Amino acid sequence: NTNLTNIPQKMVDYWKHFKGVQLNTSIDATGARD
């Protein structure tokens, strides 16, 4: 579960070793309401 404001490349590089990655992106609204 991520708010998508911070995505370190180190973390992304680890992902290739695993079966798969699901990102539940916490987005409740767009623009100013977000």
ModelCIF file with pLDDT and N, C-alpha, C, O atoms, coordinates in Angstrom:
data_MODEL
#
_entry.id   MODEL 
#
_entity.id                         1 
_entity.type                       polymer 
_entity.pdbx_number_of_molecules   1 
#
_entity_poly.entity_id                      1 
_entity_poly.type                           'polypeptide(L)' 
_entity_poly.nstd_linkage                   no 
_entity_poly.nstd_monomer                   no 
_entity_poly.pdbx_seq_one_letter_code       NTNLTNIPQKMVDYWKHFKGVQLNTSIDATGARD 
_entity_poly.pdbx_seq_one_letter_code_can   NTNLTNIPQKMVDYWKHFKGVQLNTSIDATGARD 
_entity_poly.pdbx_strand_id                 A 
#
loop_
_entity_poly_seq.entity_id 
_entity_poly_seq.num 
_entity_poly_seq.mon_id 
_entity_poly_seq.hetero 
1 1  ASN n 
1 2  THR n 
1 3  ASN n 
1 4  LEU n 
1 5  THR n 
1 6  ASN n 
1 7  ILE n 
1 8  PRO n 
1 9  GLN n 
1 10 LYS n 
1 11 MET n 
1 12 VAL n 
1 13 ASP n 
1 14 TYR n 
1 15 TRP n 
1 16 LYS n 
1 17 HIS n 
1 18 PHE n 
1 19 LYS n 
1 20 GLY n 
1 21 VAL n 
1 22 GLN n 
1 23 LEU n 
1 24 ASN n 
1 25 THR n 
1 26 SER n 
1 27 ILE n 
1 28 ASP n 
1 29 ALA n 
1 30 THR n 
1 31 GLY n 
1 32 ALA n 
1 33 ARG n 
1 34 ASP n 
#
_struct_asym.id          A 
_struct_asym.entity_id   1 
#
loop_
_ma_qa_metric.id 
_ma_qa_metric.mode 
_ma_qa_metric.name 
_ma_qa_metric.software_group_id 
_ma_qa_metric.type 
1 global pLDDT . pLDDT 
2 local  pLDDT . pLDDT 
#
_ma_qa_metric_global.metric_id      1 
_ma_qa_metric_global.metric_value   96.44 
_ma_qa_metric_global.model_id       1 
_ma_qa_metric_global.ordinal_id     1 
#
loop_
_ma_qa_metric_local.label_asym_id 
_ma_qa_metric_local.label_comp_id 
_ma_qa_metric_local.label_seq_id 
_ma_qa_metric_local.metric_id 
_ma_qa_metric_local.metric_value 
_ma_qa_metric_local.model_id 
_ma_qa_metric_local.ordinal_id 
A ASN 1  2 95.00 1 1  
A THR 2  2 97.00 1 2  
A ASN 3  2 97.00 1 3  
A LEU 4  2 97.00 1 4  
A THR 5  2 97.00 1 5  
A ASN 6  2 94.00 1 6  
A ILE 7  2 94.00 1 7  
A PRO 8  2 96.00 1 8  
A GLN 9  2 96.00 1 9  
A LYS 10 2 96.00 1 10 
A MET 11 2 96.00 1 11 
A VAL 12 2 96.00 1 12 
A ASP 13 2 96.00 1 13 
A TYR 14 2 97.00 1 14 
A TRP 15 2 96.00 1 15 
A LYS 16 2 95.00 1 16 
A HIS 17 2 96.00 1 17 
A PHE 18 2 97.00 1 18 
A LYS 19 2 96.00 1 19 
A GLY 20 2 96.00 1 20 
A VAL 21 2 97.00 1 21 
A GLN 22 2 96.00 1 22 
A LEU 23 2 96.00 1 23 
A ASN 24 2 96.00 1 24 
A THR 25 2 97.00 1 25 
A SER 26 2 97.00 1 26 
A ILE 27 2 97.00 1 27 
A ASP 28 2 98.00 1 28 
A ALA 29 2 98.00 1 29 
A THR 30 2 97.00 1 30 
A GLY 31 2 97.00 1 31 
A ALA 32 2 97.00 1 32 
A ARG 33 2 98.00 1 33 
A ASP 34 2 98.00 1 34 
#
loop_
_atom_site.group_PDB 
_atom_site.id 
_atom_site.type_symbol 
_atom_site.label_atom_id 
_atom_site.label_alt_id 
_atom_site.label_comp_id 
_atom_site.label_asym_id 
_atom_site.label_entity_id 
_atom_site.label_seq_id 
_atom_site.pdbx_PDB_ins_code 
_atom_site.Cartn_x 
_atom_site.Cartn_y 
_atom_site.Cartn_z 
_atom_site.occupancy 
_atom_site.B_iso_or_equiv 
_atom_site.pdbx_formal_charge 
_atom_site.auth_seq_id 
_atom_site.auth_comp_id 
_atom_site.auth_asym_id 
_atom_site.auth_atom_id 
_atom_site.pdbx_PDB_model_num 
ATOM 1   N N  . ASN A 1 1  ? 0.877   -1.168  0.000   1.00 95.00 ? 1  ASN A N  1 
ATOM 2   C CA . ASN A 1 1  ? 0.000   0.000   0.000   1.00 95.00 ? 1  ASN A CA 1 
ATOM 3   C C  . ASN A 1 1  ? 0.912   1.214   0.000   1.00 95.00 ? 1  ASN A C  1 
ATOM 4   O O  . ASN A 1 1  ? 1.709   1.383   0.923   1.00 95.00 ? 1  ASN A O  1 
ATOM 5   N N  . THR A 1 2  ? 0.814   2.052   -1.002  1.00 97.00 ? 2  THR A N  1 
ATOM 6   C CA . THR A 1 2  ? 1.707   3.206   -1.074  1.00 97.00 ? 2  THR A CA 1 
ATOM 7   C C  . THR A 1 2  ? 0.952   4.448   -1.516  1.00 97.00 ? 2  THR A C  1 
ATOM 8   O O  . THR A 1 2  ? 0.000   4.373   -2.293  1.00 97.00 ? 2  THR A O  1 
ATOM 9   N N  . ASN A 1 3  ? 1.395   5.593   -1.007  1.00 97.00 ? 3  ASN A N  1 
ATOM 10  C CA . ASN A 1 3  ? 0.778   6.857   -1.398  1.00 97.00 ? 3  ASN A CA 1 
ATOM 11  C C  . ASN A 1 3  ? 1.404   7.441   -2.660  1.00 97.00 ? 3  ASN A C  1 
ATOM 12  O O  . ASN A 1 3  ? 0.998   8.508   -3.121  1.00 97.00 ? 3  ASN A O  1 
ATOM 13  N N  . LEU A 1 4  ? 2.395   6.744   -3.220  1.00 97.00 ? 4  LEU A N  1 
ATOM 14  C CA . LEU A 1 4  ? 3.011   7.090   -4.508  1.00 97.00 ? 4  LEU A CA 1 
ATOM 15  C C  . LEU A 1 4  ? 3.801   8.395   -4.495  1.00 97.00 ? 4  LEU A C  1 
ATOM 16  O O  . LEU A 1 4  ? 4.116   8.931   -5.558  1.00 97.00 ? 4  LEU A O  1 
ATOM 17  N N  . THR A 1 5  ? 4.122   8.909   -3.328  1.00 97.00 ? 5  THR A N  1 
ATOM 18  C CA . THR A 1 5  ? 4.913   10.135  -3.291  1.00 97.00 ? 5  THR A CA 1 
ATOM 19  C C  . THR A 1 5  ? 6.409   9.853   -3.231  1.00 97.00 ? 5  THR A C  1 
ATOM 20  O O  . THR A 1 5  ? 7.223   10.755  -3.431  1.00 97.00 ? 5  THR A O  1 
ATOM 21  N N  . ASN A 1 6  ? 6.773   8.599   -2.954  1.00 94.00 ? 6  ASN A N  1 
ATOM 22  C CA . ASN A 1 6  ? 8.189   8.246   -2.756  1.00 94.00 ? 6  ASN A CA 1 
ATOM 23  C C  . ASN A 1 6  ? 8.431   6.840   -3.296  1.00 94.00 ? 6  ASN A C  1 
ATOM 24  O O  . ASN A 1 6  ? 7.955   5.866   -2.714  1.00 94.00 ? 6  ASN A O  1 
ATOM 25  N N  . ILE A 1 7  ? 9.166   6.724   -4.400  1.00 94.00 ? 7  ILE A N  1 
ATOM 26  C CA . ILE A 1 7  ? 9.450   5.418   -4.997  1.00 94.00 ? 7  ILE A CA 1 
ATOM 27  C C  . ILE A 1 7  ? 10.962  5.274   -5.185  1.00 94.00 ? 7  ILE A C  1 
ATOM 28  O O  . ILE A 1 7  ? 11.476  5.651   -6.238  1.00 94.00 ? 7  ILE A O  1 
ATOM 29  N N  . PRO A 1 8  ? 11.700  4.735   -4.188  1.00 96.00 ? 8  PRO A N  1 
ATOM 30  C CA . PRO A 1 8  ? 13.154  4.601   -4.300  1.00 96.00 ? 8  PRO A CA 1 
ATOM 31  C C  . PRO A 1 8  ? 13.540  3.593   -5.386  1.00 96.00 ? 8  PRO A C  1 
ATOM 32  O O  . PRO A 1 8  ? 12.917  2.537   -5.497  1.00 96.00 ? 8  PRO A O  1 
ATOM 33  N N  . GLN A 1 9  ? 14.536  3.903   -6.167  1.00 96.00 ? 9  GLN A N  1 
ATOM 34  C CA . GLN A 1 9  ? 14.984  3.002   -7.217  1.00 96.00 ? 9  GLN A CA 1 
ATOM 35  C C  . GLN A 1 9  ? 15.537  1.706   -6.622  1.00 96.00 ? 9  GLN A C  1 
ATOM 36  O O  . GLN A 1 9  ? 15.404  0.642   -7.226  1.00 96.00 ? 9  GLN A O  1 
ATOM 37  N N  . LYS A 1 10 ? 16.160  1.789   -5.433  1.00 96.00 ? 10 LYS A N  1 
ATOM 38  C CA . LYS A 1 10 ? 16.676  0.585   -4.766  1.00 96.00 ? 10 LYS A CA 1 
ATOM 39  C C  . LYS A 1 10 ? 15.560  -0.431  -4.558  1.00 96.00 ? 10 LYS A C  1 
ATOM 40  O O  . LYS A 1 10 ? 15.754  -1.625  -4.789  1.00 96.00 ? 10 LYS A O  1 
ATOM 41  N N  . MET A 1 11 ? 14.410  0.031   -4.128  1.00 96.00 ? 11 MET A N  1 
ATOM 42  C CA . MET A 1 11 ? 13.275  -0.855  -3.887  1.00 96.00 ? 11 MET A CA 1 
ATOM 43  C C  . MET A 1 11 ? 12.797  -1.478  -5.198  1.00 96.00 ? 11 MET A C  1 
ATOM 44  O O  . MET A 1 11 ? 12.523  -2.677  -5.257  1.00 96.00 ? 11 MET A O  1 
ATOM 45  N N  . VAL A 1 12 ? 12.699  -0.664  -6.244  1.00 96.00 ? 12 VAL A N  1 
ATOM 46  C CA . VAL A 1 12 ? 12.267  -1.153  -7.554  1.00 96.00 ? 12 VAL A CA 1 
ATOM 47  C C  . VAL A 1 12 ? 13.233  -2.218  -8.069  1.00 96.00 ? 12 VAL A C  1 
ATOM 48  O O  . VAL A 1 12 ? 12.805  -3.196  -8.684  1.00 96.00 ? 12 VAL A O  1 
ATOM 49  N N  . ASP A 1 13 ? 14.529  -2.037  -7.824  1.00 96.00 ? 13 ASP A N  1 
ATOM 50  C CA . ASP A 1 13 ? 15.528  -3.007  -8.278  1.00 96.00 ? 13 ASP A CA 1 
ATOM 51  C C  . ASP A 1 13 ? 15.366  -4.361  -7.580  1.00 96.00 ? 13 ASP A C  1 
ATOM 52  O O  . ASP A 1 13 ? 15.626  -5.401  -8.186  1.00 96.00 ? 13 ASP A O  1 
ATOM 53  N N  . TYR A 1 14 ? 14.944  -4.359  -6.326  1.00 97.00 ? 14 TYR A N  1 
ATOM 54  C CA . TYR A 1 14 ? 14.707  -5.614  -5.605  1.00 97.00 ? 14 TYR A CA 1 
ATOM 55  C C  . TYR A 1 14 ? 13.532  -6.392  -6.197  1.00 97.00 ? 14 TYR A C  1 
ATOM 56  O O  . TYR A 1 14 ? 13.526  -7.623  -6.175  1.00 97.00 ? 14 TYR A O  1 
ATOM 57  N N  . TRP A 1 15 ? 12.561  -5.692  -6.714  1.00 96.00 ? 15 TRP A N  1 
ATOM 58  C CA . TRP A 1 15 ? 11.321  -6.330  -7.152  1.00 96.00 ? 15 TRP A CA 1 
ATOM 59  C C  . TRP A 1 15 ? 11.530  -7.403  -8.218  1.00 96.00 ? 15 TRP A C  1 
ATOM 60  O O  . TRP A 1 15 ? 10.763  -8.363  -8.285  1.00 96.00 ? 15 TRP A O  1 
ATOM 61  N N  . LYS A 1 16 ? 12.550  -7.253  -9.043  1.00 95.00 ? 16 LYS A N  1 
ATOM 62  C CA . LYS A 1 16 ? 12.764  -8.196  -10.151 1.00 95.00 ? 16 LYS A CA 1 
ATOM 63  C C  . LYS A 1 16 ? 13.095  -9.606  -9.649  1.00 95.00 ? 16 LYS A C  1 
ATOM 64  O O  . LYS A 1 16 ? 13.002  -10.571 -10.408 1.00 95.00 ? 16 LYS A O  1 
ATOM 65  N N  . HIS A 1 17 ? 13.480  -9.728  -8.378  1.00 96.00 ? 17 HIS A N  1 
ATOM 66  C CA . HIS A 1 17 ? 13.825  -11.038 -7.814  1.00 96.00 ? 17 HIS A CA 1 
ATOM 67  C C  . HIS A 1 17 ? 12.598  -11.825 -7.350  1.00 96.00 ? 17 HIS A C  1 
ATOM 68  O O  . HIS A 1 17 ? 12.696  -13.014 -7.048  1.00 96.00 ? 17 HIS A O  1 
ATOM 69  N N  . PHE A 1 18 ? 11.451  -11.161 -7.295  1.00 97.00 ? 18 PHE A N  1 
ATOM 70  C CA . PHE A 1 18 ? 10.265  -11.795 -6.713  1.00 97.00 ? 18 PHE A CA 1 
ATOM 71  C C  . PHE A 1 18 ? 9.269   -12.227 -7.786  1.00 97.00 ? 18 PHE A C  1 
ATOM 72  O O  . PHE A 1 18 ? 9.353   -11.824 -8.946  1.00 97.00 ? 18 PHE A O  1 
ATOM 73  N N  . LYS A 1 19 ? 8.336   -13.050 -7.362  1.00 96.00 ? 19 LYS A N  1 
ATOM 74  C CA . LYS A 1 19 ? 7.344   -13.615 -8.280  1.00 96.00 ? 19 LYS A CA 1 
ATOM 75  C C  . LYS A 1 19 ? 6.539   -12.531 -8.976  1.00 96.00 ? 19 LYS A C  1 
ATOM 76  O O  . LYS A 1 19 ? 6.191   -12.665 -10.149 1.00 96.00 ? 19 LYS A O  1 
ATOM 77  N N  . GLY A 1 20 ? 6.251   -11.487 -8.274  1.00 96.00 ? 20 GLY A N  1 
ATOM 78  C CA . GLY A 1 20 ? 5.498   -10.375 -8.827  1.00 96.00 ? 20 GLY A CA 1 
ATOM 79  C C  . GLY A 1 20 ? 5.283   -9.324  -7.767  1.00 96.00 ? 20 GLY A C  1 
ATOM 80  O O  . GLY A 1 20 ? 5.512   -9.566  -6.582  1.00 96.00 ? 20 GLY A O  1 
ATOM 81  N N  . VAL A 1 21 ? 4.842   -8.155  -8.192  1.00 97.00 ? 21 VAL A N  1 
ATOM 82  C CA . VAL A 1 21 ? 4.610   -7.045  -7.269  1.00 97.00 ? 21 VAL A CA 1 
ATOM 83  C C  . VAL A 1 21 ? 3.251   -6.429  -7.579  1.00 97.00 ? 21 VAL A C  1 
ATOM 84  O O  . VAL A 1 21 ? 2.948   -6.087  -8.722  1.00 97.00 ? 21 VAL A O  1 
ATOM 85  N N  . GLN A 1 22 ? 2.443   -6.296  -6.535  1.00 96.00 ? 22 GLN A N  1 
ATOM 86  C CA . GLN A 1 22 ? 1.172   -5.591  -6.667  1.00 96.00 ? 22 GLN A CA 1 
ATOM 87  C C  . GLN A 1 22 ? 1.244   -4.312  -5.853  1.00 96.00 ? 22 GLN A C  1 
ATOM 88  O O  . GLN A 1 22 ? 1.560   -4.341  -4.664  1.00 96.00 ? 22 GLN A O  1 
ATOM 89  N N  . LEU A 1 23 ? 0.954   -3.204  -6.488  1.00 96.00 ? 23 LEU A N  1 
ATOM 90  C CA . LEU A 1 23 ? 0.941   -1.922  -5.807  1.00 96.00 ? 23 LEU A CA 1 
ATOM 91  C C  . LEU A 1 23 ? -0.502  -1.470  -5.625  1.00 96.00 ? 23 LEU A C  1 
ATOM 92  O O  . LEU A 1 23 ? -1.208  -1.196  -6.596  1.00 96.00 ? 23 LEU A O  1 
ATOM 93  N N  . ASN A 1 24 ? -0.925  -1.396  -4.382  1.00 96.00 ? 24 ASN A N  1 
ATOM 94  C CA . ASN A 1 24 ? -2.226  -0.823  -4.063  1.00 96.00 ? 24 ASN A CA 1 
ATOM 95  C C  . ASN A 1 24 ? -1.996  0.662   -3.836  1.00 96.00 ? 24 ASN A C  1 
ATOM 96  O O  . ASN A 1 24 ? -1.541  1.074   -2.769  1.00 96.00 ? 24 ASN A O  1 
ATOM 97  N N  . THR A 1 25 ? -2.309  1.452   -4.831  1.00 97.00 ? 25 THR A N  1 
ATOM 98  C CA . THR A 1 25 ? -1.998  2.878   -4.779  1.00 97.00 ? 25 THR A CA 1 
ATOM 99  C C  . THR A 1 25 ? -3.123  3.637   -4.095  1.00 97.00 ? 25 THR A C  1 
ATOM 100 O O  . THR A 1 25 ? -4.275  3.595   -4.526  1.00 97.00 ? 25 THR A O  1 
ATOM 101 N N  . SER A 1 26 ? -2.770  4.327   -3.028  1.00 97.00 ? 26 SER A N  1 
ATOM 102 C CA . SER A 1 26 ? -3.760  5.038   -2.213  1.00 97.00 ? 26 SER A CA 1 
ATOM 103 C C  . SER A 1 26 ? -4.063  6.397   -2.837  1.00 97.00 ? 26 SER A C  1 
ATOM 104 O O  . SER A 1 26 ? -3.387  7.388   -2.563  1.00 97.00 ? 26 SER A O  1 
ATOM 105 N N  . ILE A 1 27 ? -5.077  6.421   -3.667  1.00 97.00 ? 27 ILE A N  1 
ATOM 106 C CA . ILE A 1 27 ? -5.500  7.659   -4.329  1.00 97.00 ? 27 ILE A CA 1 
ATOM 107 C C  . ILE A 1 27 ? -7.001  7.815   -4.102  1.00 97.00 ? 27 ILE A C  1 
ATOM 108 O O  . ILE A 1 27 ? -7.793  6.975   -4.531  1.00 97.00 ? 27 ILE A O  1 
ATOM 109 N N  . ASP A 1 28 ? -7.379  8.880   -3.436  1.00 98.00 ? 28 ASP A N  1 
ATOM 110 C CA . ASP A 1 28 ? -8.781  9.093   -3.081  1.00 98.00 ? 28 ASP A CA 1 
ATOM 111 C C  . ASP A 1 28 ? -9.441  10.185  -3.908  1.00 98.00 ? 28 ASP A C  1 
ATOM 112 O O  . ASP A 1 28 ? -10.666 10.289  -3.948  1.00 98.00 ? 28 ASP A O  1 
ATOM 113 N N  . ALA A 1 29 ? -8.621  10.998  -4.568  1.00 98.00 ? 29 ALA A N  1 
ATOM 114 C CA . ALA A 1 29 ? -9.147  12.119  -5.343  1.00 98.00 ? 29 ALA A CA 1 
ATOM 115 C C  . ALA A 1 29 ? -8.012  12.639  -6.227  1.00 98.00 ? 29 ALA A C  1 
ATOM 116 O O  . ALA A 1 29 ? -6.882  12.157  -6.149  1.00 98.00 ? 29 ALA A O  1 
ATOM 117 N N  . THR A 1 30 ? -8.321  13.607  -7.052  1.00 97.00 ? 30 THR A N  1 
ATOM 118 C CA . THR A 1 30 ? -7.311  14.196  -7.927  1.00 97.00 ? 30 THR A CA 1 
ATOM 119 C C  . THR A 1 30 ? -7.074  15.652  -7.536  1.00 97.00 ? 30 THR A C  1 
ATOM 120 O O  . THR A 1 30 ? -7.886  16.267  -6.845  1.00 97.00 ? 30 THR A O  1 
ATOM 121 N N  . GLY A 1 31 ? -5.934  16.194  -7.997  1.00 97.00 ? 31 GLY A N  1 
ATOM 122 C CA . GLY A 1 31 ? -5.655  17.615  -7.840  1.00 97.00 ? 31 GLY A CA 1 
ATOM 123 C C  . GLY A 1 31 ? -5.667  18.101  -6.405  1.00 97.00 ? 31 GLY A C  1 
ATOM 124 O O  . GLY A 1 31 ? -5.095  17.468  -5.518  1.00 97.00 ? 31 GLY A O  1 
ATOM 125 N N  . ALA A 1 32 ? -6.327  19.239  -6.183  1.00 97.00 ? 32 ALA A N  1 
ATOM 126 C CA . ALA A 1 32 ? -6.338  19.892  -4.868  1.00 97.00 ? 32 ALA A CA 1 
ATOM 127 C C  . ALA A 1 32 ? -7.025  19.039  -3.806  1.00 97.00 ? 32 ALA A C  1 
ATOM 128 O O  . ALA A 1 32 ? -6.649  19.089  -2.635  1.00 97.00 ? 32 ALA A O  1 
ATOM 129 N N  . ARG A 1 33 ? -8.036  18.252  -4.207  1.00 98.00 ? 33 ARG A N  1 
ATOM 130 C CA . ARG A 1 33 ? -8.734  17.416  -3.226  1.00 98.00 ? 33 ARG A CA 1 
ATOM 131 C C  . ARG A 1 33 ? -7.810  16.303  -2.726  1.00 98.00 ? 33 ARG A C  1 
ATOM 132 O O  . ARG A 1 33 ? -7.879  15.917  -1.559  1.00 98.00 ? 33 ARG A O  1 
ATOM 133 N N  . ASP A 1 34 ? -6.954  15.792  -3.598  1.00 98.00 ? 34 ASP A N  1 
ATOM 134 C CA . ASP A 1 34 ? -5.961  14.793  -3.175  1.00 98.00 ? 34 ASP A CA 1 
ATOM 135 C C  . ASP A 1 34 ? -5.062  15.366  -2.085  1.00 98.00 ? 34 ASP A C  1 
ATOM 136 O O  . ASP A 1 34 ? -4.164  14.678  -1.600  1.00 98.00 ? 34 ASP A O  1 
#
